[in-house]
């Protein structure tokens, strides 16, 4: 498999796992992508990893860990994009505008709740493909 095929495969496998609520496994796919390839959008990938691990922490009751990682993810999504701004939509063939807005809402919720059990999982966005490459 050539590099671009491997990059695409890891990214889309992560998307499918994330959308299925398999946050730990999604993080593993994107972690491999982030660590093995020096991508120009590595901050975007790192933001996905951090948001995903934040949701994983929530699912295991680790609210403090979730808060920390979600804050770091938001930094990657809103400060580290092109021209130090939010990543434009679409990016990597996925809708990013609504995804990032939903992550911002999740971050607010995570910082208000007193227990991970209080988190409203309905707030977790799906990653919506716009122009999936095959």
N, C-alpha and C. Protein backbone atom coordinates (compact mmCIF):
# COMPACT_ATOMS: atom_id res chain seq x y z
N UNK A 1 0.85 -1.18 0.00
CA UNK A 1 0.00 0.00 0.00
C UNK A 1 0.90 1.24 0.00
N UNK A 2 0.66 2.15 -0.95
CA UNK A 2 1.46 3.36 -0.97
C UNK A 2 1.04 4.28 0.17
N UNK A 3 1.90 5.25 0.48
CA UNK A 3 1.66 6.12 1.63
C UNK A 3 0.29 6.78 1.61
N UNK A 4 -0.12 7.36 0.48
CA UNK A 4 -1.41 8.06 0.45
C UNK A 4 -2.57 7.11 0.70
N UNK A 5 -2.47 5.91 0.17
CA UNK A 5 -3.52 4.92 0.43
C UNK A 5 -3.57 4.57 1.91
N UNK A 6 -2.40 4.41 2.53
CA UNK A 6 -2.34 4.09 3.96
C UNK A 6 -2.89 5.25 4.79
N UNK A 7 -2.53 6.47 4.42
CA UNK A 7 -3.02 7.67 5.11
C UNK A 7 -4.55 7.71 5.04
N UNK A 8 -5.09 7.55 3.84
CA UNK A 8 -6.55 7.58 3.67
C UNK A 8 -7.22 6.45 4.45
N UNK A 9 -6.63 5.27 4.40
CA UNK A 9 -7.20 4.12 5.10
C UNK A 9 -7.26 4.38 6.61
N UNK A 10 -6.18 4.84 7.19
CA UNK A 10 -6.15 5.13 8.63
C UNK A 10 -7.16 6.21 9.00
N UNK A 11 -7.22 7.26 8.19
CA UNK A 11 -8.15 8.35 8.48
C UNK A 11 -9.59 7.85 8.47
N UNK A 12 -9.99 7.17 7.39
CA UNK A 12 -11.38 6.75 7.25
C UNK A 12 -11.76 5.63 8.22
N UNK A 13 -10.81 4.77 8.55
CA UNK A 13 -11.09 3.77 9.59
C UNK A 13 -11.37 4.46 10.91
N UNK A 14 -10.58 5.50 11.22
CA UNK A 14 -10.82 6.28 12.43
C UNK A 14 -12.18 6.94 12.43
N UNK A 15 -12.59 7.48 11.29
CA UNK A 15 -13.91 8.11 11.17
C UNK A 15 -15.01 7.09 11.46
N UNK A 16 -14.92 5.92 10.85
CA UNK A 16 -15.94 4.89 11.05
C UNK A 16 -16.01 4.46 12.51
N UNK A 17 -14.86 4.28 13.14
CA UNK A 17 -14.83 3.88 14.55
C UNK A 17 -15.39 4.98 15.44
N UNK A 18 -15.01 6.22 15.18
CA UNK A 18 -15.52 7.35 15.96
C UNK A 18 -17.04 7.40 15.86
N UNK A 19 -17.55 7.33 14.65
CA UNK A 19 -19.00 7.41 14.44
C UNK A 19 -19.76 6.24 15.07
N UNK A 20 -19.06 5.15 15.33
CA UNK A 20 -19.66 3.99 16.00
C UNK A 20 -19.52 4.06 17.51
N UNK A 21 -18.87 5.13 18.00
CA UNK A 21 -18.68 5.27 19.44
C UNK A 21 -17.52 4.46 19.98
N UNK A 22 -16.69 3.95 19.10
CA UNK A 22 -15.52 3.16 19.50
C UNK A 22 -14.32 4.11 19.60
N UNK A 23 -14.34 4.93 20.64
CA UNK A 23 -13.40 6.03 20.75
C UNK A 23 -11.96 5.58 20.94
N UNK A 24 -11.73 4.56 21.74
CA UNK A 24 -10.36 4.11 21.95
C UNK A 24 -9.76 3.61 20.64
N UNK A 25 -10.53 2.81 19.90
CA UNK A 25 -10.03 2.27 18.63
C UNK A 25 -9.85 3.36 17.58
N UNK A 26 -10.74 4.33 17.54
CA UNK A 26 -10.59 5.45 16.61
C UNK A 26 -9.31 6.20 16.91
N UNK A 27 -9.07 6.43 18.19
CA UNK A 27 -7.84 7.13 18.60
C UNK A 27 -6.61 6.35 18.13
N UNK A 28 -6.64 5.03 18.20
CA UNK A 28 -5.50 4.21 17.77
C UNK A 28 -5.20 4.40 16.28
N UNK A 29 -6.24 4.43 15.45
CA UNK A 29 -6.05 4.63 14.01
C UNK A 29 -5.42 5.99 13.73
N UNK A 30 -5.99 7.03 14.35
CA UNK A 30 -5.49 8.38 14.11
C UNK A 30 -4.13 8.61 14.73
N UNK A 31 -3.85 7.94 15.84
CA UNK A 31 -2.53 8.05 16.47
C UNK A 31 -1.45 7.51 15.53
N UNK A 32 -1.75 6.39 14.89
CA UNK A 32 -0.80 5.83 13.92
C UNK A 32 -0.60 6.80 12.75
N UNK A 33 -1.67 7.37 12.27
CA UNK A 33 -1.61 8.35 11.19
C UNK A 33 -0.76 9.55 11.60
N UNK A 34 -1.00 10.06 12.80
CA UNK A 34 -0.31 11.25 13.30
C UNK A 34 1.18 10.98 13.53
N UNK A 35 1.51 9.80 14.06
CA UNK A 35 2.90 9.53 14.43
C UNK A 35 3.75 9.04 13.27
N UNK A 36 3.15 8.39 12.29
CA UNK A 36 3.94 7.80 11.20
C UNK A 36 4.13 8.71 10.00
N UNK A 37 3.29 9.71 9.86
CA UNK A 37 3.36 10.58 8.69
C UNK A 37 3.46 12.03 9.14
N UNK A 38 4.35 12.77 8.51
CA UNK A 38 4.49 14.20 8.82
C UNK A 38 3.52 14.98 7.93
N UNK A 39 2.26 15.01 8.34
CA UNK A 39 1.21 15.60 7.53
C UNK A 39 1.12 17.10 7.72
N UNK A 40 0.77 17.84 6.67
CA UNK A 40 0.63 19.29 6.81
C UNK A 40 -0.52 19.68 7.73
N UNK A 41 -1.49 18.78 7.92
CA UNK A 41 -2.62 19.08 8.81
C UNK A 41 -2.54 18.25 10.11
N UNK A 42 -1.32 18.03 10.58
CA UNK A 42 -1.15 17.19 11.78
C UNK A 42 -1.86 17.76 13.00
N UNK A 43 -2.02 19.09 13.08
CA UNK A 43 -2.77 19.66 14.20
C UNK A 43 -4.24 19.25 14.15
N UNK A 44 -4.79 19.15 12.95
CA UNK A 44 -6.17 18.69 12.80
C UNK A 44 -6.31 17.25 13.28
N UNK A 45 -5.39 16.40 12.84
CA UNK A 45 -5.40 14.99 13.26
C UNK A 45 -5.21 14.90 14.77
N UNK A 46 -4.30 15.71 15.31
CA UNK A 46 -4.07 15.70 16.75
C UNK A 46 -5.32 16.15 17.50
N UNK A 47 -6.04 17.13 16.96
CA UNK A 47 -7.30 17.56 17.57
C UNK A 47 -8.32 16.43 17.59
N UNK A 48 -8.40 15.68 16.49
CA UNK A 48 -9.31 14.52 16.46
C UNK A 48 -8.93 13.50 17.53
N UNK A 49 -7.64 13.24 17.64
CA UNK A 49 -7.16 12.28 18.65
C UNK A 49 -7.55 12.75 20.04
N UNK A 50 -7.28 14.02 20.33
CA UNK A 50 -7.54 14.54 21.68
C UNK A 50 -9.04 14.57 21.99
N UNK A 51 -9.87 14.98 21.04
CA UNK A 51 -11.32 14.98 21.28
C UNK A 51 -11.82 13.55 21.50
N UNK A 52 -11.29 12.63 20.72
CA UNK A 52 -11.71 11.24 20.82
C UNK A 52 -11.32 10.63 22.16
N UNK A 53 -10.11 10.91 22.60
CA UNK A 53 -9.67 10.39 23.91
C UNK A 53 -10.46 11.08 25.03
N UNK A 54 -10.84 12.33 24.83
CA UNK A 54 -11.69 13.01 25.80
C UNK A 54 -13.01 12.25 25.98
N UNK A 55 -13.62 11.85 24.87
CA UNK A 55 -14.86 11.07 24.95
C UNK A 55 -14.61 9.71 25.59
N UNK A 56 -13.48 9.11 25.29
CA UNK A 56 -13.14 7.83 25.92
C UNK A 56 -13.03 8.00 27.44
N UNK A 57 -12.33 9.06 27.86
CA UNK A 57 -12.22 9.33 29.30
C UNK A 57 -13.60 9.50 29.93
N UNK A 58 -14.48 10.23 29.26
CA UNK A 58 -15.84 10.39 29.79
C UNK A 58 -16.53 9.04 29.96
N UNK A 59 -16.33 8.17 29.00
CA UNK A 59 -16.99 6.86 29.05
C UNK A 59 -16.47 5.99 30.19
N UNK A 60 -15.27 6.31 30.68
CA UNK A 60 -14.69 5.54 31.80
C UNK A 60 -14.80 6.28 33.12
N UNK A 61 -15.47 7.45 33.10
CA UNK A 61 -15.69 8.20 34.34
C UNK A 61 -14.60 9.18 34.70
N UNK A 62 -13.63 9.40 33.81
CA UNK A 62 -12.51 10.29 34.09
C UNK A 62 -12.82 11.70 33.58
N UNK A 63 -13.60 12.45 34.35
CA UNK A 63 -14.02 13.79 33.94
C UNK A 63 -12.84 14.75 33.84
N UNK A 64 -11.92 14.68 34.79
CA UNK A 64 -10.75 15.58 34.77
C UNK A 64 -9.92 15.36 33.50
N UNK A 65 -9.66 14.12 33.16
CA UNK A 65 -8.91 13.82 31.94
C UNK A 65 -9.65 14.26 30.69
N UNK A 66 -10.97 14.10 30.71
CA UNK A 66 -11.79 14.51 29.58
C UNK A 66 -11.72 16.02 29.38
N UNK A 67 -11.83 16.76 30.47
CA UNK A 67 -11.77 18.22 30.38
C UNK A 67 -10.43 18.68 29.80
N UNK A 68 -9.36 18.11 30.30
CA UNK A 68 -8.03 18.50 29.86
C UNK A 68 -7.84 18.26 28.36
N UNK A 69 -8.19 17.08 27.91
CA UNK A 69 -7.98 16.75 26.50
C UNK A 69 -8.92 17.50 25.58
N UNK A 70 -10.15 17.74 26.00
CA UNK A 70 -11.07 18.48 25.13
C UNK A 70 -10.60 19.92 24.96
N UNK A 71 -10.07 20.51 26.01
CA UNK A 71 -9.52 21.86 25.89
C UNK A 71 -8.37 21.92 24.91
N UNK A 72 -7.52 20.92 24.96
CA UNK A 72 -6.39 20.87 24.03
C UNK A 72 -6.86 20.62 22.60
N UNK A 73 -7.89 19.79 22.45
CA UNK A 73 -8.45 19.54 21.12
C UNK A 73 -9.00 20.82 20.52
N UNK A 74 -9.72 21.58 21.32
CA UNK A 74 -10.30 22.84 20.82
C UNK A 74 -9.22 23.79 20.35
N UNK A 75 -8.10 23.82 21.06
CA UNK A 75 -6.98 24.65 20.63
C UNK A 75 -6.53 24.25 19.23
N UNK A 76 -6.45 22.95 18.99
CA UNK A 76 -6.02 22.48 17.66
C UNK A 76 -7.05 22.82 16.59
N UNK A 77 -8.32 22.76 16.94
CA UNK A 77 -9.37 23.02 15.96
C UNK A 77 -9.61 24.51 15.70
N UNK A 78 -9.35 25.36 16.68
CA UNK A 78 -9.71 26.77 16.54
C UNK A 78 -8.53 27.73 16.47
N UNK A 79 -7.35 27.27 16.84
CA UNK A 79 -6.19 28.17 16.82
C UNK A 79 -5.10 27.71 15.87
N UNK A 80 -5.07 26.44 15.55
CA UNK A 80 -3.96 25.88 14.78
C UNK A 80 -4.30 25.61 13.32
N UNK A 81 -5.48 26.01 12.91
CA UNK A 81 -5.87 25.82 11.51
C UNK A 81 -5.11 26.78 10.61
N UNK A 82 -5.32 26.67 9.31
CA UNK A 82 -4.66 27.59 8.38
C UNK A 82 -4.93 29.04 8.79
N UNK A 83 -3.92 29.85 8.71
CA UNK A 83 -4.01 31.26 9.10
C UNK A 83 -4.43 31.42 10.56
N UNK A 84 -4.03 30.47 11.40
CA UNK A 84 -4.33 30.49 12.85
C UNK A 84 -5.82 30.61 13.11
N UNK A 85 -6.59 29.89 12.37
CA UNK A 85 -8.04 29.94 12.55
C UNK A 85 -8.67 28.57 12.46
N UNK A 86 -9.98 28.56 12.44
CA UNK A 86 -10.73 27.31 12.36
C UNK A 86 -10.50 26.66 10.99
N UNK A 87 -10.41 25.35 10.99
CA UNK A 87 -10.23 24.61 9.75
C UNK A 87 -11.46 24.79 8.87
N UNK A 88 -11.22 25.08 7.61
CA UNK A 88 -12.33 25.29 6.69
C UNK A 88 -13.01 23.97 6.36
N UNK A 89 -14.27 24.06 6.02
CA UNK A 89 -15.05 22.89 5.67
C UNK A 89 -15.27 22.87 4.16
N UNK A 90 -15.11 21.76 3.50
CA UNK A 90 -14.68 20.49 4.07
C UNK A 90 -13.17 20.43 4.23
N UNK A 91 -12.73 19.56 5.09
CA UNK A 91 -11.31 19.28 5.26
C UNK A 91 -11.15 17.77 5.31
N UNK A 92 -10.23 17.23 4.56
CA UNK A 92 -10.04 15.77 4.44
C UNK A 92 -11.32 15.06 4.02
N UNK A 93 -12.16 15.77 3.30
CA UNK A 93 -13.39 15.14 2.81
C UNK A 93 -14.49 15.02 3.84
N UNK A 94 -14.34 15.74 4.96
CA UNK A 94 -15.39 15.71 5.98
C UNK A 94 -15.86 17.13 6.29
N UNK A 95 -17.09 17.21 6.75
CA UNK A 95 -17.68 18.48 7.16
C UNK A 95 -17.07 18.85 8.51
N UNK A 96 -16.36 19.97 8.54
CA UNK A 96 -15.67 20.36 9.78
C UNK A 96 -16.37 21.47 10.55
N UNK A 97 -17.10 22.33 9.89
CA UNK A 97 -17.70 23.48 10.57
C UNK A 97 -18.65 23.04 11.68
N UNK A 98 -19.62 22.20 11.34
CA UNK A 98 -20.59 21.74 12.35
C UNK A 98 -19.93 20.83 13.37
N UNK A 99 -18.96 20.03 12.92
CA UNK A 99 -18.24 19.15 13.85
C UNK A 99 -17.55 19.97 14.93
N UNK A 100 -16.82 21.00 14.52
CA UNK A 100 -16.10 21.83 15.50
C UNK A 100 -17.09 22.57 16.40
N UNK A 101 -18.18 23.07 15.84
CA UNK A 101 -19.20 23.73 16.68
C UNK A 101 -19.76 22.75 17.71
N UNK A 102 -19.96 21.52 17.32
CA UNK A 102 -20.46 20.51 18.26
C UNK A 102 -19.42 20.18 19.32
N UNK A 103 -18.17 20.16 18.94
CA UNK A 103 -17.09 19.92 19.91
C UNK A 103 -17.04 21.07 20.92
N UNK A 104 -17.26 22.29 20.45
CA UNK A 104 -17.31 23.44 21.37
C UNK A 104 -18.46 23.26 22.37
N UNK A 105 -19.63 22.81 21.90
CA UNK A 105 -20.76 22.55 22.80
C UNK A 105 -20.43 21.43 23.79
N UNK A 106 -19.78 20.39 23.31
CA UNK A 106 -19.38 19.30 24.21
C UNK A 106 -18.42 19.81 25.28
N UNK A 107 -17.49 20.66 24.88
CA UNK A 107 -16.54 21.22 25.84
C UNK A 107 -17.26 22.01 26.93
N UNK A 108 -18.24 22.81 26.52
CA UNK A 108 -19.01 23.58 27.51
C UNK A 108 -19.72 22.64 28.49
N UNK A 109 -20.33 21.60 27.96
CA UNK A 109 -21.03 20.63 28.79
C UNK A 109 -20.07 19.93 29.76
N UNK A 110 -18.93 19.53 29.24
CA UNK A 110 -17.93 18.83 30.07
C UNK A 110 -17.47 19.71 31.22
N UNK A 111 -17.38 21.00 30.98
CA UNK A 111 -16.91 21.91 32.02
C UNK A 111 -18.00 22.35 32.99
N UNK A 112 -19.25 22.01 32.71
CA UNK A 112 -20.37 22.35 33.60
C UNK A 112 -20.75 21.18 34.50
N UNK A 113 -20.72 19.99 33.95
CA UNK A 113 -21.20 18.82 34.70
C UNK A 113 -20.29 18.51 35.90
N UNK A 114 -20.87 17.87 36.89
CA UNK A 114 -20.14 17.51 38.10
C UNK A 114 -19.61 16.08 38.06
N UNK A 115 -20.19 15.27 37.18
CA UNK A 115 -19.81 13.86 37.07
C UNK A 115 -19.87 13.46 35.60
N UNK A 116 -18.98 12.58 35.20
CA UNK A 116 -19.00 12.07 33.82
C UNK A 116 -20.33 11.40 33.50
N UNK A 117 -20.99 10.87 34.51
CA UNK A 117 -22.29 10.23 34.30
C UNK A 117 -23.36 11.21 33.85
N UNK A 118 -23.14 12.51 34.10
CA UNK A 118 -24.11 13.54 33.74
C UNK A 118 -23.98 14.01 32.29
N UNK A 119 -22.96 13.55 31.57
CA UNK A 119 -22.74 14.03 30.21
C UNK A 119 -23.86 13.57 29.28
N UNK A 120 -24.32 14.50 28.44
CA UNK A 120 -25.36 14.21 27.45
C UNK A 120 -24.68 13.71 26.17
N UNK A 121 -24.68 12.40 25.99
CA UNK A 121 -24.00 11.79 24.84
C UNK A 121 -24.65 12.17 23.51
N UNK A 122 -25.86 12.71 23.56
CA UNK A 122 -26.52 13.17 22.33
C UNK A 122 -25.75 14.34 21.70
N UNK A 123 -24.92 15.02 22.49
CA UNK A 123 -24.15 16.15 21.98
C UNK A 123 -22.98 15.74 21.10
N UNK A 124 -22.53 14.50 21.22
CA UNK A 124 -21.35 14.05 20.47
C UNK A 124 -21.69 14.01 18.99
N UNK A 125 -20.93 14.75 18.18
CA UNK A 125 -21.24 14.79 16.75
C UNK A 125 -20.77 13.54 16.02
N UNK A 126 -21.33 13.33 14.87
CA UNK A 126 -20.80 12.36 13.91
C UNK A 126 -19.87 13.13 12.98
N UNK A 127 -18.91 12.43 12.44
CA UNK A 127 -18.04 13.02 11.43
C UNK A 127 -18.68 12.69 10.09
N UNK A 128 -19.10 13.72 9.38
CA UNK A 128 -19.89 13.54 8.16
C UNK A 128 -19.01 13.66 6.92
N UNK A 129 -18.88 12.56 6.16
CA UNK A 129 -18.12 12.63 4.91
C UNK A 129 -18.84 13.52 3.90
N UNK A 130 -18.07 14.35 3.24
CA UNK A 130 -18.62 15.20 2.18
C UNK A 130 -18.11 14.71 0.83
N UNK A 131 -16.85 14.38 0.80
CA UNK A 131 -16.24 14.01 -0.46
C UNK A 131 -15.22 12.92 -0.20
N UNK A 132 -15.69 11.76 0.23
CA UNK A 132 -14.80 10.66 0.61
C UNK A 132 -14.02 10.15 -0.59
N UNK A 133 -12.70 10.12 -0.41
CA UNK A 133 -11.83 9.58 -1.45
C UNK A 133 -11.78 8.07 -1.31
N UNK A 134 -11.78 7.40 -2.41
CA UNK A 134 -11.64 5.94 -2.40
C UNK A 134 -10.27 5.58 -2.90
